[in-house]
């Protein structure tokens, strides 16, 4: 469940949720993609997958994929239809 949803449900600031979780002895889940998954995201995107398709394959948000690609020096394609080549 996203932190913002938990915070709204319990009427606390979203910044308080991780502190409460840690104080209860529960480990926080990691966010984003690790190094290997970041490289895979860049590769898949470079092969023509959309940001959303890569996100779905890796189980993360498309914004997470976008950030990983940009951080690794990749370029984001313009929005719109994919270009196709005809022989």
Protein backbone atom coordinates (compact mmCIF):
# COMPACT_ATOMS: atom_id res chain seq x y z
CA UNK A 1 0.00 0.00 0.00
CA UNK A 2 1.47 3.40 -0.90
CA UNK A 3 2.66 5.58 1.98
CA UNK A 4 0.35 8.43 0.97
CA UNK A 5 -2.69 6.14 1.26
CA UNK A 6 -1.64 4.89 4.70
CA UNK A 7 -0.99 8.46 5.87
CA UNK A 8 -4.39 9.68 4.64
CA UNK A 9 -6.17 6.72 6.23
CA UNK A 10 -4.61 7.40 9.64
CA UNK A 11 -4.51 11.19 9.44
CA UNK A 12 -0.74 11.58 9.72
CA UNK A 13 1.91 13.16 7.50
CA UNK A 14 3.36 10.77 4.92
CA UNK A 15 6.86 11.46 6.30
CA UNK A 16 5.78 9.91 9.61
CA UNK A 17 4.94 6.52 8.14
CA UNK A 18 8.52 5.27 7.54
CA UNK A 19 9.51 6.39 11.05
CA UNK A 20 6.60 4.46 12.56
CA UNK A 21 7.40 1.38 10.50
CA UNK A 22 11.09 1.39 11.46
CA UNK A 23 10.31 2.01 15.15
CA UNK A 24 8.05 -1.05 15.04
CA UNK A 25 11.01 -3.12 13.84
CA UNK A 26 9.66 -3.69 10.34
CA UNK A 27 12.15 -3.26 7.49
CA UNK A 28 11.27 -0.74 4.80
CA UNK A 29 10.93 -2.09 1.30
CA UNK A 30 13.41 -0.73 -1.18
CA UNK A 31 12.12 1.59 -3.82
CA UNK A 32 13.15 1.85 -7.41
CA UNK A 33 15.32 -0.53 -9.33
CA UNK A 34 18.64 -2.10 -8.38
CA UNK A 35 21.63 -1.89 -10.73
CA UNK A 36 20.79 -4.99 -12.74
CA UNK A 37 17.16 -4.04 -13.19
CA UNK A 38 18.16 -0.49 -14.18
CA UNK A 39 20.42 -1.88 -16.91
CA UNK A 40 17.67 -4.23 -18.06
CA UNK A 41 15.23 -1.31 -18.23
CA UNK A 42 17.65 0.63 -20.42
CA UNK A 43 18.18 -2.38 -22.68
CA UNK A 44 14.47 -3.13 -23.07
CA UNK A 45 13.66 0.51 -23.76
CA UNK A 46 16.49 0.63 -26.29
CA UNK A 47 14.97 -2.41 -28.01
CA UNK A 48 11.75 -0.48 -28.58
CA UNK A 49 9.59 -1.29 -25.57
CA UNK A 50 7.59 1.62 -24.20
CA UNK A 51 8.21 2.99 -20.71
CA UNK A 52 4.95 1.41 -19.57
CA UNK A 53 5.81 -1.97 -21.09
CA UNK A 54 9.19 -1.98 -19.36
CA UNK A 55 7.55 -0.89 -16.09
CA UNK A 56 5.02 -3.72 -16.34
CA UNK A 57 7.77 -6.27 -16.99
CA UNK A 58 9.82 -5.05 -14.03
CA UNK A 59 6.89 -4.48 -11.68
CA UNK A 60 7.50 -0.78 -11.09
CA UNK A 61 6.00 2.55 -12.11
CA UNK A 62 6.79 4.00 -15.53
CA UNK A 63 8.31 7.07 -13.84
CA UNK A 64 10.78 4.79 -12.06
CA UNK A 65 11.81 3.35 -15.42
CA UNK A 66 12.12 6.83 -16.92
CA UNK A 67 14.39 7.99 -14.09
CA UNK A 68 16.57 4.89 -14.39
CA UNK A 69 16.99 5.35 -18.14
CA UNK A 70 17.87 9.02 -17.84
CA UNK A 71 20.26 8.35 -14.92
CA UNK A 72 22.10 5.80 -17.07
CA UNK A 73 22.47 8.31 -19.91
CA UNK A 74 19.61 7.05 -22.08
CA UNK A 75 17.38 9.34 -24.07
CA UNK A 76 13.60 9.26 -23.81
CA UNK A 77 11.82 9.00 -27.15
CA UNK A 78 9.15 11.54 -28.08
CA UNK A 79 5.60 10.52 -27.22
CA UNK A 80 3.35 9.21 -29.93
CA UNK A 81 3.19 6.32 -32.26
CA UNK A 82 6.18 4.10 -32.75
CA UNK A 83 7.86 4.45 -36.08
CA UNK A 84 7.82 1.34 -38.21
CA UNK A 85 10.02 0.48 -41.13
CA UNK A 86 8.70 -1.15 -44.25
CA UNK A 87 10.80 -3.26 -46.52
